C-alpha atoms as a PDB file:
ATOM      1  CA  MET A   1      94.132 129.765 100.004  1.00  0.00           C
ATOM      2  CA  ASN A   2      97.402 130.111  98.451  1.00  0.00           C
ATOM      3  CA  ALA A   3      98.311 128.771  95.475  1.00  0.00           C
ATOM      4  CA  SER A   4     102.127 127.631  96.140  1.00  0.00           C
ATOM      5  CA  ALA A   5     103.854 124.182  96.123  1.00  0.00           C
ATOM      6  CA  GLY A   6     103.465 121.527  98.932  1.00  0.00           C
ATOM      7  CA  SER A   7     107.049 120.952  99.442  1.00  0.00           C
ATOM      8  CA  ASN A   8     107.254 125.190  99.615  1.00  0.00           C
ATOM      9  CA  SER A   9     109.808 126.384 102.931  1.00  0.00           C
ATOM     10  CA  ARG A  10     107.278 126.756 105.309  1.00  0.00           C
ATOM     11  CA  ALA A  11     105.742 123.237 104.289  1.00  0.00           C
ATOM     12  CA  LEU A  12     109.256 121.449 104.951  1.00  0.00           C
ATOM     13  CA  GLU A  13     110.008 123.738 107.954  1.00  0.00           C
ATOM     14  CA  THR A  14     107.180 122.219 109.561  1.00  0.00           C
ATOM     15  CA  LEU A  15     108.364 118.769 108.484  1.00  0.00           C
ATOM     16  CA  ASP A  16     111.983 119.299 110.229  1.00  0.00           C
ATOM     17  CA  ARG A  17     109.797 120.448 113.151  1.00  0.00           C
ATOM     18  CA  LEU A  18     107.798 117.075 113.712  1.00  0.00           C
ATOM     19  CA  LYS A  19     110.837 115.065 113.099  1.00  0.00           C
ATOM     20  CA  ALA A  20     112.186 116.851 115.934  1.00  0.00           C
ATOM     21  CA  LEU A  21     109.043 116.511 118.218  1.00  0.00           C
ATOM     22  CA  ARG A  22     108.725 113.225 117.333  1.00  0.00           C
ATOM     23  CA  ALA A  23     104.920 112.865 118.543  1.00  0.00           C
ATOM     24  CA  ILE A  24     101.853 113.873 117.471  1.00  0.00           C
ATOM     25  CA  ALA A  25      99.357 113.966 119.754  1.00  0.00           C
ATOM     26  CA  VAL A  26      95.951 113.889 117.899  1.00  0.00           C
ATOM     27  CA  VAL A  27      93.250 115.715 120.264  1.00  0.00           C
ATOM     28  CA  ARG A  28      89.209 114.198 120.186  1.00  0.00           C
ATOM     29  CA  ALA A  29      87.183 116.147 122.403  1.00  0.00           C
ATOM     30  CA  ARG A  30      83.525 116.753 123.346  1.00  0.00           C
ATOM     31  CA  ASP A  31      83.581 120.543 122.625  1.00  0.00           C
ATOM     32  CA  PRO A  32      85.908 123.097 121.946  1.00  0.00           C
ATOM     33  CA  GLU A  33      86.641 123.867 125.530  1.00  0.00           C
ATOM     34  CA  GLU A  34      87.705 120.218 126.206  1.00  0.00           C
ATOM     35  CA  ALA A  35      89.880 120.488 123.008  1.00  0.00           C
ATOM     36  CA  VAL A  36      91.541 123.911 124.825  1.00  0.00           C
ATOM     37  CA  ALA A  37      91.765 122.097 128.373  1.00  0.00           C
ATOM     38  CA  ILE A  38      93.483 119.070 126.828  1.00  0.00           C
ATOM     39  CA  ALA A  39      95.957 120.798 124.539  1.00  0.00           C
ATOM     40  CA  ASP A  40      97.015 122.546 127.865  1.00  0.00           C
ATOM     41  CA  ALA A  41      97.844 119.881 130.083  1.00  0.00           C
ATOM     42  CA  LEU A  42      99.600 118.414 127.074  1.00  0.00           C
ATOM     43  CA  PHE A  43     102.030 121.258 126.535  1.00  0.00           C
ATOM     44  CA  SER A  44     102.609 121.955 129.974  1.00  0.00           C
ATOM     45  CA  ALA A  45     103.859 118.072 129.841  1.00  0.00           C
ATOM     46  CA  GLY A  46     106.353 119.394 126.757  1.00  0.00           C
ATOM     47  CA  LEU A  47     104.176 117.602 123.887  1.00  0.00           C
ATOM     48  CA  LYS A  48     104.639 120.791 121.686  1.00  0.00           C
ATOM     49  CA  ALA A  49     102.780 118.634 118.464  1.00  0.00           C
ATOM     50  CA  ILE A  50      99.122 118.825 118.635  1.00  0.00           C
ATOM     51  CA  GLU A  51      96.549 117.731 116.107  1.00  0.00           C
ATOM     52  CA  LEU A  52      93.011 119.419 117.176  1.00  0.00           C
ATOM     53  CA  THR A  53      90.082 117.250 115.153  1.00  0.00           C
ATOM     54  CA  PHE A  54      87.419 117.831 112.890  1.00  0.00           C
ATOM     55  CA  THR A  55      85.189 115.238 115.068  1.00  0.00           C
ATOM     56  CA  THR A  56      84.776 118.156 118.243  1.00  0.00           C
ATOM     57  CA  PRO A  57      81.828 119.637 117.193  1.00  0.00           C
ATOM     58  CA  GLU A  58      82.971 123.706 116.192  1.00  0.00           C
ATOM     59  CA  ILE A  59      86.711 122.481 116.604  1.00  0.00           C
ATOM     60  CA  GLU A  60      87.779 125.929 114.937  1.00  0.00           C
ATOM     61  CA  ARG A  61      86.630 128.195 117.899  1.00  0.00           C
ATOM     62  CA  ALA A  62      89.883 126.501 119.461  1.00  0.00           C
ATOM     63  CA  PHE A  63      92.311 126.875 117.312  1.00  0.00           C
ATOM     64  CA  PRO A  64      93.071 130.942 118.021  1.00  0.00           C
ATOM     65  CA  GLU A  65      92.396 130.017 121.872  1.00  0.00           C
ATOM     66  CA  VAL A  66      94.948 127.470 121.559  1.00  0.00           C
ATOM     67  CA  ARG A  67      97.629 129.571 119.912  1.00  0.00           C
ATOM     68  CA  ARG A  68      97.030 132.918 122.000  1.00  0.00           C
ATOM     69  CA  ARG A  69      97.545 130.384 125.205  1.00  0.00           C
ATOM     70  CA  LEU A  70     100.799 128.191 123.884  1.00  0.00           C
ATOM     71  CA  GLY A  71     101.925 130.338 121.081  1.00  0.00           C
ATOM     72  CA  SER A  72     104.326 130.106 118.296  1.00  0.00           C
ATOM     73  CA  ARG A  73     106.602 127.204 120.105  1.00  0.00           C
ATOM     74  CA  LEU A  74     103.507 125.077 119.654  1.00  0.00           C
ATOM     75  CA  LEU A  75     103.201 123.278 116.561  1.00  0.00           C
ATOM     76  CA  LEU A  76      99.080 123.237 115.698  1.00  0.00           C
ATOM     77  CA  GLY A  77      97.958 120.731 113.159  1.00  0.00           C
ATOM     78  CA  ALA A  78      93.818 120.159 111.680  1.00  0.00           C
ATOM     79  CA  GLY A  79      93.157 116.892 111.881  1.00  0.00           C
ATOM     80  CA  THR A  80      90.756 114.482 110.008  1.00  0.00           C
ATOM     81  CA  ILE A  81      90.207 117.224 107.351  1.00  0.00           C
ATOM     82  CA  THR A  82      87.427 115.499 104.733  1.00  0.00           C
ATOM     83  CA  THR A  83      85.838 118.527 103.069  1.00  0.00           C
ATOM     84  CA  LEU A  84      86.963 121.667 101.197  1.00  0.00           C
ATOM     85  CA  GLU A  85      85.493 123.437 103.627  1.00  0.00           C
ATOM     86  CA  GLN A  86      86.770 121.940 106.855  1.00  0.00           C
ATOM     87  CA  LEU A  87      90.505 122.720 104.804  1.00  0.00           C
ATOM     88  CA  GLN A  88      89.880 126.527 104.489  1.00  0.00           C
ATOM     89  CA  ALA A  89      88.353 126.454 108.263  1.00  0.00           C
ATOM     90  CA  ALA A  90      91.920 125.000 108.968  1.00  0.00           C
ATOM     91  CA  VAL A  91      93.960 127.600 106.919  1.00  0.00           C
ATOM     92  CA  ASP A  92      91.740 130.466 108.135  1.00  0.00           C
ATOM     93  CA  ALA A  93      92.241 129.218 111.745  1.00  0.00           C
ATOM     94  CA  GLY A  94      96.304 129.236 111.340  1.00  0.00           C
ATOM     95  CA  ALA A  95      97.179 125.555 111.277  1.00  0.00           C
ATOM     96  CA  ASP A  96     100.340 124.542 110.889  1.00  0.00           C
ATOM     97  CA  PHE A  97     100.006 120.960 109.396  1.00  0.00           C
ATOM     98  CA  LEU A  98      96.766 119.930 107.893  1.00  0.00           C
ATOM     99  CA  VAL A  99      96.074 116.215 107.979  1.00  0.00           C
ATOM    100  CA  SER A 100      93.356 113.681 106.330  1.00  0.00           C
ATOM    101  CA  PRO A 101      92.525 110.104 107.319  1.00  0.00           C
ATOM    102  CA  HIS A 102      92.233 109.439 103.382  1.00  0.00           C
ATOM    103  CA  LEU A 103      93.335 109.935 100.270  1.00  0.00           C
ATOM    104  CA  ASN A 104      91.011 111.906  97.949  1.00  0.00           C
ATOM    105  CA  PRO A 105      93.053 113.716  95.027  1.00  0.00           C
ATOM    106  CA  VAL A 106      91.150 116.568  94.750  1.00  0.00           C
ATOM    107  CA  LEU A 107      91.567 117.255  98.798  1.00  0.00           C
ATOM    108  CA  LEU A 108      95.206 116.517  98.653  1.00  0.00           C
ATOM    109  CA  LYS A 109      95.654 118.427  95.911  1.00  0.00           C
ATOM    110  CA  ALA A 110      94.066 121.530  97.629  1.00  0.00           C
ATOM    111  CA  MET A 111      95.585 120.866 100.706  1.00  0.00           C
ATOM    112  CA  LEU A 112      98.974 120.728  98.632  1.00  0.00           C
ATOM    113  CA  ASP A 113      98.090 124.122  97.123  1.00  0.00           C
ATOM    114  CA  THR A 114      98.291 126.286 100.876  1.00  0.00           C
ATOM    115  CA  ASP A 115     101.467 126.765 102.426  1.00  0.00           C
ATOM    116  CA  ARG A 116     101.330 124.352 105.416  1.00  0.00           C
ATOM    117  CA  LEU A 117     102.142 120.997 105.176  1.00  0.00           C
ATOM    118  CA  ALA A 118     100.034 118.111 103.737  1.00  0.00           C
ATOM    119  CA  ILE A 119      99.697 114.945 105.406  1.00  0.00           C
ATOM    120  CA  PRO A 120      97.533 112.656 103.471  1.00  0.00           C
ATOM    121  CA  GLY A 121      95.981 109.362 105.259  1.00  0.00           C
ATOM    122  CA  VAL A 122      97.459 105.909 102.975  1.00  0.00           C
ATOM    123  CA  LEU A 123      97.737 102.465 103.763  1.00  0.00           C
ATOM    124  CA  THR A 124      98.936 100.832 100.858  1.00  0.00           C
ATOM    125  CA  PRO A 125     101.244 101.015  98.184  1.00  0.00           C
ATOM    126  CA  SER A 126      98.480 102.045  95.527  1.00  0.00           C
ATOM    127  CA  GLU A 127      97.591 104.642  97.787  1.00  0.00           C
ATOM    128  CA  ILE A 128     101.372 106.057  98.549  1.00  0.00           C
ATOM    129  CA  ALA A 129     102.217 106.040  95.074  1.00  0.00           C
ATOM    130  CA  SER A 130      99.164 108.044  94.167  1.00  0.00           C
ATOM    131  CA  ALA A 131      99.793 110.618  97.098  1.00  0.00           C
ATOM    132  CA  LEU A 132     103.482 111.234  96.523  1.00  0.00           C
ATOM    133  CA  GLY A 133     102.222 111.686  92.435  1.00  0.00           C
ATOM    134  CA  LEU A 134     100.404 114.310  93.239  1.00  0.00           C
ATOM    135  CA  GLY A 135     103.243 115.620  95.637  1.00  0.00           C
ATOM    136  CA  ALA A 136     102.856 114.812  98.995  1.00  0.00           C
ATOM    137  CA  VAL A 137     105.937 114.692 101.241  1.00  0.00           C
ATOM    138  CA  VAL A 138     105.046 112.750 103.854  1.00  0.00           C
ATOM    139  CA  VAL A 139     102.433 110.656 104.526  1.00  0.00           C
ATOM    140  CA  LYS A 140      99.831 109.116 107.281  1.00  0.00           C
ATOM    141  CA  LEU A 141     100.109 105.504 107.563  1.00  0.00           C
ATOM    142  CA  PHE A 142      96.522 104.546 108.802  1.00  0.00           C
ATOM    143  CA  PRO A 143      95.432 102.832 110.768  1.00  0.00           C
ATOM    144  CA  ALA A 144      98.860 101.837 111.376  1.00  0.00           C
ATOM    145  CA  SER A 145      98.265  99.116 114.469  1.00  0.00           C
ATOM    146  CA  THR A 146      96.116  97.300 112.231  1.00  0.00           C
ATOM    147  CA  VAL A 147      99.456  96.657 109.761  1.00  0.00           C
ATOM    148  CA  GLY A 148     102.862  97.017 112.405  1.00  0.00           C
ATOM    149  CA  PRO A 149     105.871  98.316 111.699  1.00  0.00           C
ATOM    150  CA  GLU A 150     107.269  96.017 109.801  1.00  0.00           C
ATOM    151  CA  HIS A 151     104.383  96.696 106.993  1.00  0.00           C
ATOM    152  CA  MET A 152     106.183 100.178 107.145  1.00  0.00           C
ATOM    153  CA  LYS A 153     109.632  99.183 106.746  1.00  0.00           C
ATOM    154  CA  ALA A 154     108.472  97.070 103.715  1.00  0.00           C
ATOM    155  CA  LEU A 155     107.043 100.334 102.451  1.00  0.00           C
ATOM    156  CA  PHE A 156     110.740 101.645 102.667  1.00  0.00           C
ATOM    157  CA  GLY A 157     111.749  99.328  99.569  1.00  0.00           C
ATOM    158  CA  PRO A 158     110.086 100.392  96.746  1.00  0.00           C
ATOM    159  CA  PHE A 159     109.483 103.653  98.593  1.00  0.00           C
ATOM    160  CA  PRO A 160     112.979 104.663  99.236  1.00  0.00           C
ATOM    161  CA  GLY A 161     113.139 108.074 101.303  1.00  0.00           C
ATOM    162  CA  LEU A 162     109.233 107.699 102.230  1.00  0.00           C
ATOM    163  CA  ARG A 163     108.134 109.804 105.031  1.00  0.00           C
ATOM    164  CA  VAL A 164     105.673 108.464 107.724  1.00  0.00           C
ATOM    165  CA  VAL A 165     103.632 109.728 110.521  1.00  0.00           C
ATOM    166  CA  PRO A 166     102.143 106.079 111.572  1.00  0.00           C
ATOM    167  CA  THR A 167      98.712 106.739 113.050  1.00  0.00           C
ATOM    168  CA  GLY A 168      95.892 104.836 114.466  1.00  0.00           C
ATOM    169  CA  GLY A 169      96.299 102.660 117.788  1.00  0.00           C
ATOM    170  CA  ILE A 170      99.612 103.539 118.489  1.00  0.00           C
ATOM    171  CA  THR A 171     100.268 103.153 122.391  1.00  0.00           C
ATOM    172  CA  ILE A 172     103.055 104.665 124.990  1.00  0.00           C
ATOM    173  CA  ALA A 173     104.482 101.173 124.689  1.00  0.00           C
ATOM    174  CA  SER A 174     104.879 100.732 120.907  1.00  0.00           C
ATOM    175  CA  ALA A 175     105.198 104.219 120.007  1.00  0.00           C
ATOM    176  CA  GLY A 176     109.563 103.416 120.144  1.00  0.00           C
ATOM    177  CA  ALA A 177     109.243 100.167 117.870  1.00  0.00           C
ATOM    178  CA  TRP A 178     107.486 102.773 114.914  1.00  0.00           C
ATOM    179  CA  LEU A 179     110.385 105.135 115.087  1.00  0.00           C
ATOM    180  CA  ASN A 180     113.175 102.871 114.941  1.00  0.00           C
ATOM    181  CA  ALA A 181     112.030 101.008 112.300  1.00  0.00           C
ATOM    182  CA  GLY A 182     112.275 104.587 110.534  1.00  0.00           C
ATOM    183  CA  ALA A 183     108.960 106.539 111.032  1.00  0.00           C
ATOM    184  CA  VAL A 184     109.106 110.395 111.115  1.00  0.00           C
ATOM    185  CA  ALA A 185     107.055 111.035 113.888  1.00  0.00           C
ATOM    186  CA  VAL A 186     104.106 109.103 115.441  1.00  0.00           C
ATOM    187  CA  GLY A 187     100.660 109.842 116.231  1.00  0.00           C
ATOM    188  CA  LEU A 188      98.794 108.791 119.372  1.00  0.00           C
ATOM    189  CA  GLY A 189      95.368 109.656 120.609  1.00  0.00           C
ATOM    190  CA  GLY A 190      93.102 107.059 122.062  1.00  0.00           C
ATOM    191  CA  GLU A 191      95.858 105.760 125.124  1.00  0.00           C
ATOM    192  CA  LEU A 192      97.340 109.175 125.856  1.00  0.00           C
ATOM    193  CA  LEU A 193      93.518 110.823 126.226  1.00  0.00           C
ATOM    194  CA  PRO A 194      91.651 107.941 127.383  1.00  0.00           C
ATOM    195  CA  LYS A 195      87.860 109.088 127.789  1.00  0.00           C
ATOM    196  CA  ALA A 196      87.833 108.383 131.362  1.00  0.00           C
ATOM    197  CA  LEU A 197      90.508 110.874 131.977  1.00  0.00           C
ATOM    198  CA  ARG A 198      88.530 113.370 129.506  1.00  0.00           C
ATOM    199  CA  ASP A 199      85.085 113.076 130.929  1.00  0.00           C
ATOM    200  CA  ALA A 200      86.771 113.355 134.506  1.00  0.00           C
ATOM    201  CA  GLY A 201      88.893 116.737 133.690  1.00  0.00           C
ATOM    202  CA  ALA A 202      91.781 114.365 135.237  1.00  0.00           C
ATOM    203  CA  TRP A 203      94.292 117.059 133.328  1.00  0.00           C
ATOM    204  CA  ASP A 204      96.746 116.075 135.284  1.00  0.00           C
ATOM    205  CA  GLU A 205      96.936 112.504 135.048  1.00  0.00           C
ATOM    206  CA  ILE A 206      96.860 113.415 130.617  1.00  0.00           C
ATOM    207  CA  SER A 207      99.961 115.563 131.361  1.00  0.00           C
ATOM    208  CA  ALA A 208     101.429 112.460 133.307  1.00  0.00           C
ATOM    209  CA  ASN A 209     100.648 110.288 129.978  1.00  0.00           C
ATOM    210  CA  ALA A 210     102.774 112.594 127.484  1.00  0.00           C
ATOM    211  CA  THR A 211     105.537 112.991 130.012  1.00  0.00           C
ATOM    212  CA  ARG A 212     105.475 108.913 130.137  1.00  0.00           C
ATOM    213  CA  LEU A 213     105.364 109.670 126.268  1.00  0.00           C
ATOM    214  CA  LEU A 214     108.431 111.612 125.879  1.00  0.00           C
ATOM    215  CA  SER A 215     110.571 109.935 127.761  1.00  0.00           C
ATOM    216  CA  ASP A 216     110.437 106.467 126.378  1.00  0.00           C
ATOM    217  CA  LEU A 217     110.728 107.593 122.975  1.00  0.00           C
ATOM    218  CA  PRO A 218     114.191 106.733 121.742  1.00  0.00           C
ATOM    219  CA  LYS A 219     116.792 109.309 121.838  1.00  0.00           C
END
């Protein structure tokens, strides 16, 4: 991995793209093939920021196939990174941004030493202060639905300029409230990609969910 700062130009360019796209699909699948099919369905509807998570077995195999099929217009993330081995696999697979569900100083430092955008998971002011102190330029508020947009807005007082991507329990209906409250982007998984639709291979319905999400986002 490259020993460059987490706030380098590539990372900041990725952050700018996230701000413009406003929504990230968090994909948890049964296998790499299902993850690829989900990515196809989401991208076809116009959702161009997709995070493939390490909760999917052998997800490393999906990254190059998704990139081959969808190209550079896709902002491709690696999520639920909890180990240094997963981090290295994500970098090797060409992920544009790296997401962890928690704050682990050793892991975050390693994430920041890549040329990718690092997004550590936080919930409390102490965790945010630690993440910023280590060099993070954006944080993932997780699980966001347990605290709500008002919690995030309150954090902007002691942390002016804080960049936040709330994730966890965000719905199509609630995404706009988070963005209007100041989120950089929102991460959605469960409601966007319900298990029943995934099990049925109902890719058209998943595409329709993505279309509905994008049409409801604040302009």
